Amino acid sequence: MTSTDVVDTAYGYQLKQVNDILRKDLQEFKEIVARKAKKYKNTVMMGRTHGVHAEPTTFGLKLARWYSEINRDIERFEHAAKGVEAGKISGAVGTFANIDPFVEKYVCDKLGIRAQEISSQVLPRDLHAEYLSVLALIATSLEEFATEIRGLQKSETREVEEYFAKGQKGSSAMPHKRNPIGSENICGLARVCRGHMVTAFENVSLWHERDISHSSAERIILPDTTILIDYMLHRFGKIVENLTVFPENMKRNMDRTFGLIYSGRVLLKLIDTGMSREEAYDLIQPKTAESWDKQVPFRPLLEQDEEISKRLSKEDLDDAFDYHWHLRHVDDIFKRVGLE
């Protein structure tokens, strides 16, 4: 035996216990997101692309996307977790020269981990690189979700807000401040996890049957990353669970672009009357520019246009400016992601 037979096998056993904790954390977070998605399934809000108003969506759909992503994170985690829940007792260069393979199988079976099918003096570090990569991706998912909350909490938007307790202080200098510090904290920690992922990749390339350049780094990145993921899932889970949502602000913000969010529907209706897409687009776009530049409602500009009025009735425009059209497949999408 060599000391690494003990160390790497112990790592595998420790990571198995760690993974049981993280698995539970992931499931609890997934359930929180599922509950919130169902609650706000039909809460209409503005969909934004490039930070600009696009078309209506719902807050529930936004959360359903998170739910789908965390499911993918869980699938990736299960594969990577299996990889690192491994041991090796195969001697100085992995040949079992001075120990029977039975010992490795016996010890790993007792510990509830798998025996790595082939190794050198150490377990292959691509296993750990994959594991740290998956943990970094989980952290990045949380960062993505947290960034969304930060964007929606801006004063000029205020569609959601991290729970703010009575007497809580947001700024030592500005008493009015309510800052999304929890979500900001998650974003910062995700950067740390991604940094550890890079180190894990650097640890894969060892000299010949091993060197110990990976050892000192792993004493930092393995405990730190797993502890961080546990902390991040718990903290951000509480943020989502206690999130304050303002449906009335979501609806109000939809009107801030004067009905321009329905330009796509008007375009398609004109095409349905026999206009080419290019003709319809060239007819509508100047109206959108006038509405935005002059900050006036979009629909009256359409109604005043002779060509548009000839082709589209009041009922056609009523239908085009009805946000419910955009939400008619919400139930189908929820079923597709398993939220029923």
C-alpha atoms as a PDB file:
ATOM      1  CA  MET A   1       0.000   0.000   0.000  1.00  0.00           C
ATOM      2  CA  THR A   2       0.883   3.636  -0.407  1.00  0.00           C
ATOM      3  CA  SER A   3      -0.433   6.587   1.593  1.00  0.00           C
ATOM      4  CA  THR A   4      -2.517   7.770  -1.348  1.00  0.00           C
ATOM      5  CA  ASP A   5      -4.431   4.494  -1.303  1.00  0.00           C
ATOM      6  CA  VAL A   6      -5.765   5.684   2.033  1.00  0.00           C
ATOM      7  CA  VAL A   7      -6.064   9.409   1.212  1.00  0.00           C
ATOM      8  CA  ASP A   8      -7.884   9.103  -2.116  1.00  0.00           C
ATOM      9  CA  THR A   9     -10.193   6.375  -0.830  1.00  0.00           C
ATOM     10  CA  ALA A  10     -10.989   8.536   2.198  1.00  0.00           C
ATOM     11  CA  TYR A  11     -11.715  11.434  -0.147  1.00  0.00           C
ATOM     12  CA  GLY A  12     -14.170   9.228  -2.017  1.00  0.00           C
ATOM     13  CA  TYR A  13     -15.933   8.306   1.215  1.00  0.00           C
ATOM     14  CA  GLN A  14     -16.042  11.913   2.425  1.00  0.00           C
ATOM     15  CA  LEU A  15     -17.417  13.122  -0.896  1.00  0.00           C
ATOM     16  CA  LYS A  16     -20.117  10.464  -0.744  1.00  0.00           C
ATOM     17  CA  GLN A  17     -21.299  11.970   2.546  1.00  0.00           C
ATOM     18  CA  VAL A  18     -21.006  15.482   1.125  1.00  0.00           C
ATOM     19  CA  ASN A  19     -23.062  14.475  -1.896  1.00  0.00           C
ATOM     20  CA  ASP A  20     -25.868  13.179   0.309  1.00  0.00           C
ATOM     21  CA  ILE A  21     -26.108  16.685   1.822  1.00  0.00           C
ATOM     22  CA  LEU A  22     -25.913  18.503  -1.510  1.00  0.00           C
ATOM     23  CA  ARG A  23     -28.465  16.152  -3.068  1.00  0.00           C
ATOM     24  CA  LYS A  24     -30.926  17.082  -0.320  1.00  0.00           C
ATOM     25  CA  ASP A  25     -30.113  20.793  -0.761  1.00  0.00           C
ATOM     26  CA  LEU A  26     -30.762  20.614  -4.498  1.00  0.00           C
ATOM     27  CA  GLN A  27     -34.074  18.841  -4.024  1.00  0.00           C
ATOM     28  CA  GLU A  28     -35.261  21.371  -1.438  1.00  0.00           C
ATOM     29  CA  PHE A  29     -34.306  24.284  -3.681  1.00  0.00           C
ATOM     30  CA  LYS A  30     -36.068  22.670  -6.627  1.00  0.00           C
ATOM     31  CA  GLU A  31     -39.249  22.306  -4.553  1.00  0.00           C
ATOM     32  CA  ILE A  32     -39.139  25.970  -3.519  1.00  0.00           C
ATOM     33  CA  VAL A  33     -38.846  27.075  -7.144  1.00  0.00           C
ATOM     34  CA  ALA A  34     -41.667  24.701  -8.155  1.00  0.00           C
ATOM     35  CA  ARG A  35     -44.034  26.163  -5.567  1.00  0.00           C
ATOM     36  CA  LYS A  36     -43.262  29.719  -6.635  1.00  0.00           C
ATOM     37  CA  ALA A  37     -43.610  28.881 -10.330  1.00  0.00           C
ATOM     38  CA  LYS A  38     -47.072  27.431  -9.759  1.00  0.00           C
ATOM     39  CA  LYS A  39     -48.120  30.381  -7.616  1.00  0.00           C
ATOM     40  CA  TYR A  40     -47.171  32.942 -10.277  1.00  0.00           C
ATOM     41  CA  LYS A  41     -47.979  30.788 -13.287  1.00  0.00           C
ATOM     42  CA  ASN A  42     -50.353  33.351 -14.786  1.00  0.00           C
ATOM     43  CA  THR A  43     -48.878  36.545 -13.332  1.00  0.00           C
ATOM     44  CA  VAL A  44     -48.306  38.572 -16.489  1.00  0.00           C
ATOM     45  CA  MET A  45     -45.177  40.643 -16.808  1.00  0.00           C
ATOM     46  CA  MET A  46     -42.876  42.124 -19.401  1.00  0.00           C
ATOM     47  CA  GLY A  47     -40.488  39.848 -21.229  1.00  0.00           C
ATOM     48  CA  ARG A  48     -37.246  41.655 -22.012  1.00  0.00           C
ATOM     49  CA  THR A  49     -34.524  40.962 -24.545  1.00  0.00           C
ATOM     50  CA  HIS A  50     -31.298  42.994 -24.535  1.00  0.00           C
ATOM     51  CA  GLY A  51     -32.813  44.707 -21.472  1.00  0.00           C
ATOM     52  CA  VAL A  52     -35.577  46.178 -23.690  1.00  0.00           C
ATOM     53  CA  HIS A  53     -39.317  45.432 -23.605  1.00  0.00           C
ATOM     54  CA  ALA A  54     -40.080  42.555 -25.982  1.00  0.00           C
ATOM     55  CA  GLU A  55     -43.384  40.681 -25.518  1.00  0.00           C
ATOM     56  CA  PRO A  56     -45.507  39.647 -22.522  1.00  0.00           C
ATOM     57  CA  THR A  57     -44.640  36.557 -20.498  1.00  0.00           C
ATOM     58  CA  THR A  58     -45.426  35.486 -16.929  1.00  0.00           C
ATOM     59  CA  PHE A  59     -43.346  35.459 -13.777  1.00  0.00           C
ATOM     60  CA  GLY A  60     -44.288  31.806 -13.427  1.00  0.00           C
ATOM     61  CA  LEU A  61     -42.710  31.011 -16.796  1.00  0.00           C
ATOM     62  CA  LYS A  62     -39.527  32.710 -15.674  1.00  0.00           C
ATOM     63  CA  LEU A  63     -39.484  30.494 -12.578  1.00  0.00           C
ATOM     64  CA  ALA A  64     -40.353  27.436 -14.679  1.00  0.00           C
ATOM     65  CA  ARG A  65     -37.169  28.058 -16.659  1.00  0.00           C
ATOM     66  CA  TRP A  66     -35.245  28.046 -13.377  1.00  0.00           C
ATOM     67  CA  TYR A  67     -36.984  24.798 -12.427  1.00  0.00           C
ATOM     68  CA  SER A  68     -35.976  23.188 -15.698  1.00  0.00           C
ATOM     69  CA  GLU A  69     -32.380  24.354 -15.314  1.00  0.00           C
ATOM     70  CA  ILE A  70     -32.048  23.073 -11.763  1.00  0.00           C
ATOM     71  CA  ASN A  71     -33.337  19.702 -13.001  1.00  0.00           C
ATOM     72  CA  ARG A  72     -30.485  19.641 -15.496  1.00  0.00           C
ATOM     73  CA  ASP A  73     -28.079  20.625 -12.737  1.00  0.00           C
ATOM     74  CA  ILE A  74     -29.316  17.680 -10.669  1.00  0.00           C
ATOM     75  CA  GLU A  75     -28.826  15.261 -13.590  1.00  0.00           C
ATOM     76  CA  ARG A  76     -25.271  16.509 -14.102  1.00  0.00           C
ATOM     77  CA  PHE A  77     -24.600  16.353 -10.368  1.00  0.00           C
ATOM     78  CA  GLU A  78     -25.680  12.710 -10.094  1.00  0.00           C
ATOM     79  CA  HIS A  79     -23.272  11.700 -12.857  1.00  0.00           C
ATOM     80  CA  ALA A  80     -20.346  13.674 -11.449  1.00  0.00           C
ATOM     81  CA  ALA A  81     -21.070  12.563  -7.863  1.00  0.00           C
ATOM     82  CA  LYS A  82     -20.838   8.927  -8.905  1.00  0.00           C
ATOM     83  CA  GLY A  83     -17.445   9.641 -10.428  1.00  0.00           C
ATOM     84  CA  VAL A  84     -15.832  10.988  -7.259  1.00  0.00           C
ATOM     85  CA  GLU A  85     -17.441   8.454  -4.910  1.00  0.00           C
ATOM     86  CA  ALA A  86     -14.579   6.120  -5.700  1.00  0.00           C
ATOM     87  CA  GLY A  87     -11.608   4.507  -4.027  1.00  0.00           C
ATOM     88  CA  LYS A  88      -8.359   2.826  -5.036  1.00  0.00           C
ATOM     89  CA  ILE A  89      -6.038   0.477  -3.163  1.00  0.00           C
ATOM     90  CA  SER A  90      -3.815  -0.555  -6.034  1.00  0.00           C
ATOM     91  CA  GLY A  91      -0.363   0.359  -4.784  1.00  0.00           C
ATOM     92  CA  ALA A  92       2.412   2.722  -5.785  1.00  0.00           C
ATOM     93  CA  VAL A  93       1.690   2.857  -9.524  1.00  0.00           C
ATOM     94  CA  GLY A  94      -1.716   1.169  -9.749  1.00  0.00           C
ATOM     95  CA  THR A  95      -0.511  -2.367 -10.596  1.00  0.00           C
ATOM     96  CA  PHE A  96      -1.600  -4.185  -7.398  1.00  0.00           C
ATOM     97  CA  ALA A  97       2.016  -5.401  -7.156  1.00  0.00           C
ATOM     98  CA  ASN A  98       1.924  -5.877  -3.390  1.00  0.00           C
ATOM     99  CA  ILE A  99      -1.793  -6.097  -2.648  1.00  0.00           C
ATOM    100  CA  ASP A 100      -4.580  -8.285  -3.960  1.00  0.00           C
ATOM    101  CA  PRO A 101      -7.396  -6.518  -5.907  1.00  0.00           C
ATOM    102  CA  PHE A 102      -9.805  -8.239  -3.514  1.00  0.00           C
ATOM    103  CA  VAL A 103      -8.727  -5.816  -0.777  1.00  0.00           C
ATOM    104  CA  GLU A 104      -9.700  -2.799  -2.875  1.00  0.00           C
ATOM    105  CA  LYS A 105     -13.107  -4.269  -3.673  1.00  0.00           C
ATOM    106  CA  TYR A 106     -13.695  -5.324  -0.060  1.00  0.00           C
ATOM    107  CA  VAL A 107     -12.814  -1.893   1.368  1.00  0.00           C
ATOM    108  CA  CYS A 108     -14.805   0.056  -1.224  1.00  0.00           C
ATOM    109  CA  ASP A 109     -17.843  -2.178  -0.772  1.00  0.00           C
ATOM    110  CA  LYS A 110     -17.671  -1.641   2.982  1.00  0.00           C
ATOM    111  CA  LEU A 111     -17.500   2.129   2.487  1.00  0.00           C
ATOM    112  CA  GLY A 112     -20.333   2.152  -0.045  1.00  0.00           C
ATOM    113  CA  ILE A 113     -18.202   3.589  -2.819  1.00  0.00           C
ATOM    114  CA  ARG A 114     -17.074   2.101  -6.114  1.00  0.00           C
ATOM    115  CA  ALA A 115     -13.627   0.749  -6.857  1.00  0.00           C
ATOM    116  CA  GLN A 116     -12.023   2.764  -9.658  1.00  0.00           C
ATOM    117  CA  GLU A 117     -11.481   0.355 -12.549  1.00  0.00           C
ATOM    118  CA  ILE A 118      -7.941   1.582 -13.226  1.00  0.00           C
ATOM    119  CA  SER A 119      -5.700   4.127 -11.559  1.00  0.00           C
ATOM    120  CA  SER A 120      -2.108   5.160 -11.072  1.00  0.00           C
ATOM    121  CA  GLN A 121      -0.888   6.048  -7.591  1.00  0.00           C
ATOM    122  CA  VAL A 122      -3.864   8.417  -7.486  1.00  0.00           C
ATOM    123  CA  LEU A 123      -7.442   8.411  -8.693  1.00  0.00           C
ATOM    124  CA  PRO A 124      -7.772  10.073 -12.114  1.00  0.00           C
ATOM    125  CA  ARG A 125      -8.270  13.778 -11.504  1.00  0.00           C
ATOM    126  CA  ASP A 126     -10.580  14.258 -14.468  1.00  0.00           C
ATOM    127  CA  LEU A 127     -13.212  12.823 -12.109  1.00  0.00           C
ATOM    128  CA  HIS A 128     -12.702  15.688  -9.705  1.00  0.00           C
ATOM    129  CA  ALA A 129     -12.472  18.229 -12.513  1.00  0.00           C
ATOM    130  CA  GLU A 130     -15.886  17.136 -13.746  1.00  0.00           C
ATOM    131  CA  TYR A 131     -17.262  17.274 -10.210  1.00  0.00           C
ATOM    132  CA  LEU A 132     -15.959  20.799  -9.534  1.00  0.00           C
ATOM    133  CA  SER A 133     -17.195  21.821 -12.968  1.00  0.00           C
ATOM    134  CA  VAL A 134     -20.715  20.667 -12.160  1.00  0.00           C
ATOM    135  CA  LEU A 135     -20.631  22.427  -8.791  1.00  0.00           C
ATOM    136  CA  ALA A 136     -19.455  25.592 -10.558  1.00  0.00           C
ATOM    137  CA  LEU A 137     -22.330  25.242 -13.002  1.00  0.00           C
ATOM    138  CA  ILE A 138     -24.806  24.906 -10.127  1.00  0.00           C
ATOM    139  CA  ALA A 139     -23.328  28.079  -8.648  1.00  0.00           C
ATOM    140  CA  THR A 140     -23.644  29.753 -12.039  1.00  0.00           C
ATOM    141  CA  SER A 141     -27.313  28.762 -12.273  1.00  0.00           C
ATOM    142  CA  LEU A 142     -27.902  30.380  -8.891  1.00  0.00           C
ATOM    143  CA  GLU A 143     -26.004  33.444 -10.088  1.00  0.00           C
ATOM    144  CA  GLU A 144     -28.205  33.602 -13.187  1.00  0.00           C
ATOM    145  CA  PHE A 145     -31.352  33.485 -11.051  1.00  0.00           C
ATOM    146  CA  ALA A 146     -29.932  36.012  -8.580  1.00  0.00           C
ATOM    147  CA  THR A 147     -29.003  38.383 -11.396  1.00  0.00           C
ATOM    148  CA  GLU A 148     -32.627  38.293 -12.554  1.00  0.00           C
ATOM    149  CA  ILE A 149     -33.841  39.273  -9.083  1.00  0.00           C
ATOM    150  CA  ARG A 150     -31.316  42.110  -8.952  1.00  0.00           C
ATOM    151  CA  GLY A 151     -32.515  43.410 -12.311  1.00  0.00           C
ATOM    152  CA  LEU A 152     -36.182  43.234 -11.364  1.00  0.00           C
ATOM    153  CA  GLN A 153     -35.521  44.974  -8.018  1.00  0.00           C
ATOM    154  CA  LYS A 154     -34.131  48.154  -9.587  1.00  0.00           C
ATOM    155  CA  SER A 155     -36.064  51.207  -8.388  1.00  0.00           C
ATOM    156  CA  GLU A 156     -37.360  52.031 -11.862  1.00  0.00           C
ATOM    157  CA  THR A 157     -38.646  48.453 -12.258  1.00  0.00           C
ATOM    158  CA  ARG A 158     -39.524  47.153  -8.765  1.00  0.00           C
ATOM    159  CA  GLU A 159     -41.283  44.009  -9.842  1.00  0.00           C
ATOM    160  CA  VAL A 160     -39.745  41.853  -7.117  1.00  0.00           C
ATOM    161  CA  GLU A 161     -37.827  42.593  -3.960  1.00  0.00           C
ATOM    162  CA  GLU A 162     -35.790  40.541  -1.523  1.00  0.00           C
ATOM    163  CA  TYR A 163     -37.621  40.314   1.784  1.00  0.00           C
ATOM    164  CA  PHE A 164     -36.790  43.343   3.889  1.00  0.00           C
ATOM    165  CA  ALA A 165     -37.488  42.947   7.606  1.00  0.00           C
ATOM    166  CA  LYS A 166     -38.871  45.706   9.772  1.00  0.00           C
ATOM    167  CA  GLY A 167     -35.945  47.676  11.188  1.00  0.00           C
ATOM    168  CA  GLN A 168     -33.470  46.228   8.699  1.00  0.00           C
ATOM    169  CA  LYS A 169     -30.956  48.723   7.324  1.00  0.00           C
ATOM    170  CA  GLY A 170     -29.982  48.860   3.658  1.00  0.00           C
ATOM    171  CA  SER A 171     -27.368  51.607   3.792  1.00  0.00           C
ATOM    172  CA  SER A 172     -25.544  53.388   6.565  1.00  0.00           C
ATOM    173  CA  ALA A 173     -25.718  56.665   4.617  1.00  0.00           C
ATOM    174  CA  MET A 174     -29.071  56.422   2.812  1.00  0.00           C
ATOM    175  CA  PRO A 175     -31.945  55.300   5.053  1.00  0.00           C
ATOM    176  CA  HIS A 176     -34.272  54.656   2.102  1.00  0.00           C
ATOM    177  CA  LYS A 177     -32.131  51.930   0.527  1.00  0.00           C
ATOM    178  CA  ARG A 178     -33.323  48.338   0.142  1.00  0.00           C
ATOM    179  CA  ASN A 179     -30.481  46.571  -1.590  1.00  0.00           C
ATOM    180  CA  PRO A 180     -30.578  43.016  -3.043  1.00  0.00           C
ATOM    181  CA  ILE A 181     -27.530  42.084  -1.000  1.00  0.00           C
ATOM    182  CA  GLY A 182     -28.404  38.383  -0.771  1.00  0.00           C
ATOM    183  CA  SER A 183     -28.526  37.994  -4.530  1.00  0.00           C
ATOM    184  CA  GLU A 184     -25.352  40.040  -4.873  1.00  0.00           C
ATOM    185  CA  ASN A 185     -23.703  37.711  -2.374  1.00  0.00           C
ATOM    186  CA  ILE A 186     -24.692  34.707  -4.497  1.00  0.00           C
ATOM    187  CA  CYS A 187     -23.214  36.317  -7.616  1.00  0.00           C
ATOM    188  CA  GLY A 188     -19.908  36.948  -5.876  1.00  0.00           C
ATOM    189  CA  LEU A 189     -19.630  33.412  -4.517  1.00  0.00           C
ATOM    190  CA  ALA A 190     -20.355  31.920  -7.943  1.00  0.00           C
ATOM    191  CA  ARG A 191     -17.175  33.610  -9.191  1.00  0.00           C
ATOM    192  CA  VAL A 192     -15.209  31.880  -6.437  1.00  0.00           C
ATOM    193  CA  CYS A 193     -16.653  28.485  -7.425  1.00  0.00           C
ATOM    194  CA  ARG A 194     -15.734  29.019 -11.062  1.00  0.00           C
ATOM    195  CA  GLY A 195     -12.220  29.909  -9.982  1.00  0.00           C
ATOM    196  CA  HIS A 196     -11.972  26.618  -8.099  1.00  0.00           C
ATOM    197  CA  MET A 197     -13.176  24.816 -11.217  1.00  0.00           C
ATOM    198  CA  VAL A 198     -10.191  26.186 -13.144  1.00  0.00           C
ATOM    199  CA  THR A 199      -7.855  24.888 -10.427  1.00  0.00           C
ATOM    200  CA  ALA A 200      -9.478  21.446 -10.650  1.00  0.00           C
ATOM    201  CA  PHE A 201      -8.773  21.373 -14.380  1.00  0.00           C
ATOM    202  CA  GLU A 202      -5.164  22.319 -13.727  1.00  0.00           C
ATOM    203  CA  ASN A 203      -4.950  19.343 -11.347  1.00  0.00           C
ATOM    204  CA  VAL A 204      -5.698  16.793 -14.075  1.00  0.00           C
ATOM    205  CA  SER A 205      -2.267  16.919 -15.688  1.00  0.00           C
ATOM    206  CA  LEU A 206       0.128  15.202 -13.289  1.00  0.00           C
ATOM    207  CA  TRP A 207       3.592  13.805 -14.054  1.00  0.00           C
ATOM    208  CA  HIS A 208       3.607  10.140 -15.077  1.00  0.00           C
ATOM    209  CA  GLU A 209       1.928   8.009 -12.387  1.00  0.00           C
ATOM    210  CA  ARG A 210       1.492  11.014 -10.077  1.00  0.00           C
ATOM    211  CA  ASP A 211       3.013  14.041  -8.453  1.00  0.00           C
ATOM    212  CA  ILE A 212       1.559  16.042  -5.570  1.00  0.00           C
ATOM    213  CA  SER A 213       0.969  19.381  -7.307  1.00  0.00           C
ATOM    214  CA  HIS A 214      -2.782  18.733  -7.025  1.00  0.00           C
ATOM    215  CA  SER A 215      -2.760  17.897  -3.331  1.00  0.00           C
ATOM    216  CA  SER A 216      -2.318  21.322  -1.756  1.00  0.00           C
ATOM    217  CA  ALA A 217      -4.901  22.873  -4.083  1.00  0.00           C
ATOM    218  CA  GLU A 218      -7.489  20.189  -3.368  1.00  0.00           C
ATOM    219  CA  ARG A 219      -7.242  20.818   0.363  1.00  0.00           C
ATOM    220  CA  ILE A 220      -8.732  24.216  -0.425  1.00  0.00           C
ATOM    221  CA  ILE A 221     -11.003  23.757  -3.418  1.00  0.00           C
ATOM    222  CA  LEU A 222     -12.839  20.572  -2.404  1.00  0.00           C
ATOM    223  CA  PRO A 223     -14.005  21.627   1.079  1.00  0.00           C
ATOM    224  CA  ASP A 224     -14.473  25.269   0.122  1.00  0.00           C
ATOM    225  CA  THR A 225     -16.542  24.593  -2.991  1.00  0.00           C
ATOM    226  CA  THR A 226     -18.789  21.984  -1.414  1.00  0.00           C
ATOM    227  CA  ILE A 227     -19.378  24.179   1.641  1.00  0.00           C
ATOM    228  CA  LEU A 228     -20.123  27.157  -0.599  1.00  0.00           C
ATOM    229  CA  ILE A 229     -22.656  25.247  -2.696  1.00  0.00           C
ATOM    230  CA  ASP A 230     -24.428  24.077   0.466  1.00  0.00           C
ATOM    231  CA  TYR A 231     -24.505  27.653   1.761  1.00  0.00           C
ATOM    232  CA  MET A 232     -25.611  29.150  -1.571  1.00  0.00           C
ATOM    233  CA  LEU A 233     -28.479  26.714  -2.059  1.00  0.00           C
ATOM    234  CA  HIS A 234     -29.754  27.376   1.468  1.00  0.00           C
ATOM    235  CA  ARG A 235     -29.385  31.133   1.290  1.00  0.00           C
ATOM    236  CA  PHE A 236     -30.811  31.606  -2.172  1.00  0.00           C
ATOM    237  CA  GLY A 237     -33.597  29.145  -1.398  1.00  0.00           C
ATOM    238  CA  LYS A 238     -34.688  31.442   1.446  1.00  0.00           C
ATOM    239  CA  ILE A 239     -34.464  34.464  -0.858  1.00  0.00           C
ATOM    240  CA  VAL A 240     -36.786  32.827  -3.410  1.00  0.00           C
ATOM    241  CA  GLU A 241     -39.116  31.466  -0.720  1.00  0.00           C
ATOM    242  CA  ASN A 242     -39.555  34.890   0.887  1.00  0.00           C
ATOM    243  CA  LEU A 243     -39.392  36.970  -2.284  1.00  0.00           C
ATOM    244  CA  THR A 244     -41.794  39.917  -2.377  1.00  0.00           C
ATOM    245  CA  VAL A 245     -43.552  40.057  -5.753  1.00  0.00           C
ATOM    246  CA  PHE A 246     -45.425  43.096  -7.103  1.00  0.00           C
ATOM    247  CA  PRO A 247     -47.876  41.913  -9.814  1.00  0.00           C
ATOM    248  CA  GLU A 248     -49.380  45.408 -10.095  1.00  0.00           C
ATOM    249  CA  ASN A 249     -45.960  46.862 -10.933  1.00  0.00           C
ATOM    250  CA  MET A 250     -45.395  44.145 -13.508  1.00  0.00           C
ATOM    251  CA  LYS A 251     -48.655  45.100 -15.217  1.00  0.00           C
ATOM    252  CA  ARG A 252     -47.902  48.807 -14.935  1.00  0.00           C
ATOM    253  CA  ASN A 253     -44.463  48.414 -16.453  1.00  0.00           C
ATOM    254  CA  MET A 254     -45.989  46.754 -19.507  1.00  0.00           C
ATOM    255  CA  ASP A 255     -47.649  50.080 -20.345  1.00  0.00           C
ATOM    256  CA  ARG A 256     -44.441  52.091 -20.073  1.00  0.00           C
ATOM    257  CA  THR A 257     -43.677  51.492 -23.741  1.00  0.00           C
ATOM    258  CA  PHE A 258     -47.067  52.800 -24.924  1.00  0.00           C
ATOM    259  CA  GLY A 259     -48.308  49.535 -26.431  1.00  0.00           C
ATOM    260  CA  LEU A 260     -45.248  49.001 -28.620  1.00  0.00           C
ATOM    261  CA  ILE A 261     -44.957  45.480 -27.241  1.00  0.00           C
ATOM    262  CA  TYR A 262     -47.845  44.521 -29.513  1.00  0.00           C
ATOM    263  CA  SER A 263     -46.170  45.639 -32.737  1.00  0.00           C
ATOM    264  CA  GLY A 264     -45.330  42.034 -33.650  1.00  0.00           C
ATOM    265  CA  ARG A 265     -48.969  41.003 -33.456  1.00  0.00           C
ATOM    266  CA  VAL A 266     -50.024  43.944 -35.636  1.00  0.00           C
ATOM    267  CA  LEU A 267     -47.335  42.983 -38.137  1.00  0.00           C
ATOM    268  CA  LEU A 268     -48.673  39.429 -38.406  1.00  0.00           C
ATOM    269  CA  LYS A 269     -52.258  40.596 -38.736  1.00  0.00           C
ATOM    270  CA  LEU A 270     -51.319  42.824 -41.670  1.00  0.00           C
ATOM    271  CA  ILE A 271     -49.515  39.897 -43.284  1.00  0.00           C
ATOM    272  CA  ASP A 272     -52.687  37.825 -42.858  1.00  0.00           C
ATOM    273  CA  THR A 273     -54.537  40.413 -44.967  1.00  0.00           C
ATOM    274  CA  GLY A 274     -52.237  39.740 -47.900  1.00  0.00           C
ATOM    275  CA  MET A 275     -49.419  42.265 -47.363  1.00  0.00           C
ATOM    276  CA  SER A 276     -45.855  41.046 -47.737  1.00  0.00           C
ATOM    277  CA  ARG A 277     -43.781  40.972 -44.588  1.00  0.00           C
ATOM    278  CA  GLU A 278     -41.537  43.742 -45.938  1.00  0.00           C
ATOM    279  CA  GLU A 279     -44.506  45.996 -46.763  1.00  0.00           C
ATOM    280  CA  ALA A 280     -46.111  45.421 -43.373  1.00  0.00           C
ATOM    281  CA  TYR A 281     -42.843  46.027 -41.538  1.00  0.00           C
ATOM    282  CA  ASP A 282     -42.121  49.242 -43.441  1.00  0.00           C
ATOM    283  CA  LEU A 283     -45.649  50.455 -42.704  1.00  0.00           C
ATOM    284  CA  ILE A 284     -45.483  49.779 -38.965  1.00  0.00           C
ATOM    285  CA  GLN A 285     -41.914  50.645 -38.022  1.00  0.00           C
ATOM    286  CA  PRO A 286     -42.267  54.429 -38.582  1.00  0.00           C
ATOM    287  CA  LYS A 287     -45.296  54.339 -36.270  1.00  0.00           C
ATOM    288  CA  THR A 288     -43.268  52.598 -33.574  1.00  0.00           C
ATOM    289  CA  ALA A 289     -40.525  55.203 -33.929  1.00  0.00           C
ATOM    290  CA  GLU A 290     -43.021  58.052 -33.662  1.00  0.00           C
ATOM    291  CA  SER A 291     -44.629  56.504 -30.581  1.00  0.00           C
ATOM    292  CA  TRP A 292     -41.296  56.030 -28.818  1.00  0.00           C
ATOM    293  CA  ASP A 293     -39.693  59.300 -29.859  1.00  0.00           C
ATOM    294  CA  LYS A 294     -42.739  61.397 -28.951  1.00  0.00           C
ATOM    295  CA  GLN A 295     -43.730  59.180 -26.007  1.00  0.00           C
ATOM    296  CA  VAL A 296     -47.305  58.784 -27.233  1.00  0.00           C
ATOM    297  CA  PRO A 297     -49.567  55.695 -27.390  1.00  0.00           C
ATOM    298  CA  PHE A 298     -48.927  53.378 -30.318  1.00  0.00           C
ATOM    299  CA  ARG A 299     -52.479  52.253 -31.106  1.00  0.00           C
ATOM    300  CA  PRO A 300     -53.956  55.668 -32.054  1.00  0.00           C
ATOM    301  CA  LEU A 301     -51.156  56.109 -34.583  1.00  0.00           C
ATOM    302  CA  LEU A 302     -52.235  52.871 -36.227  1.00  0.00           C
ATOM    303  CA  GLU A 303     -55.886  53.845 -36.189  1.00  0.00           C
ATOM    304  CA  GLN A 304     -55.076  57.138 -37.900  1.00  0.00           C
ATOM    305  CA  ASP A 305     -53.307  55.415 -40.783  1.00  0.00           C
ATOM    306  CA  GLU A 306     -55.596  54.966 -43.779  1.00  0.00           C
ATOM    307  CA  GLU A 307     -53.932  51.822 -45.105  1.00  0.00           C
ATOM    308  CA  ILE A 308     -53.939  50.090 -41.721  1.00  0.00           C
ATOM    309  CA  SER A 309     -57.542  51.111 -40.960  1.00  0.00           C
ATOM    310  CA  LYS A 310     -58.608  49.709 -44.321  1.00  0.00           C
ATOM    311  CA  ARG A 311     -57.109  46.329 -43.480  1.00  0.00           C
ATOM    312  CA  LEU A 312     -57.599  45.989 -39.715  1.00  0.00           C
ATOM    313  CA  SER A 313     -60.872  46.473 -37.845  1.00  0.00           C
ATOM    314  CA  LYS A 314     -61.280  47.657 -34.267  1.00  0.00           C
ATOM    315  CA  GLU A 315     -61.770  44.023 -33.291  1.00  0.00           C
ATOM    316  CA  ASP A 316     -58.528  43.086 -35.033  1.00  0.00           C
ATOM    317  CA  LEU A 317     -56.629  45.719 -33.071  1.00  0.00           C
ATOM    318  CA  ASP A 318     -58.367  44.739 -29.827  1.00  0.00           C
ATOM    319  CA  ASP A 319     -57.117  41.203 -30.393  1.00  0.00           C
ATOM    320  CA  ALA A 320     -53.620  42.373 -31.349  1.00  0.00           C
ATOM    321  CA  PHE A 321     -53.337  44.463 -28.171  1.00  0.00           C
ATOM    322  CA  ASP A 322     -54.562  41.676 -25.859  1.00  0.00           C
ATOM    323  CA  TYR A 323     -51.695  40.211 -23.817  1.00  0.00           C
ATOM    324  CA  HIS A 324     -53.615  36.975 -23.247  1.00  0.00           C
ATOM    325  CA  TRP A 325     -52.673  35.865 -26.771  1.00  0.00           C
ATOM    326  CA  HIS A 326     -49.059  35.536 -25.652  1.00  0.00           C
ATOM    327  CA  LEU A 327     -49.962  33.377 -22.659  1.00  0.00           C
ATOM    328  CA  ARG A 328     -52.219  30.806 -24.317  1.00  0.00           C
ATOM    329  CA  HIS A 329     -49.570  28.041 -24.178  1.00  0.00           C
ATOM    330  CA  VAL A 330     -48.492  28.569 -20.565  1.00  0.00           C
ATOM    331  CA  ASP A 331     -50.247  25.388 -19.413  1.00  0.00           C
ATOM    332  CA  ASP A 332     -48.560  23.384 -22.159  1.00  0.00           C
ATOM    333  CA  ILE A 333     -45.118  24.707 -21.218  1.00  0.00           C
ATOM    334  CA  PHE A 334     -45.661  23.888 -17.543  1.00  0.00           C
ATOM    335  CA  LYS A 335     -46.604  20.324 -18.477  1.00  0.00           C
ATOM    336  CA  ARG A 336     -43.494  19.987 -20.625  1.00  0.00           C
ATOM    337  CA  VAL A 337     -41.210  20.886 -17.716  1.00  0.00           C
ATOM    338  CA  GLY A 338     -43.122  18.669 -15.266  1.00  0.00           C
ATOM    339  CA  LEU A 339     -44.941  21.398 -13.347  1.00  0.00           C
ATOM    340  CA  GLU A 340     -48.560  20.271 -13.215  1.00  0.00           C
END
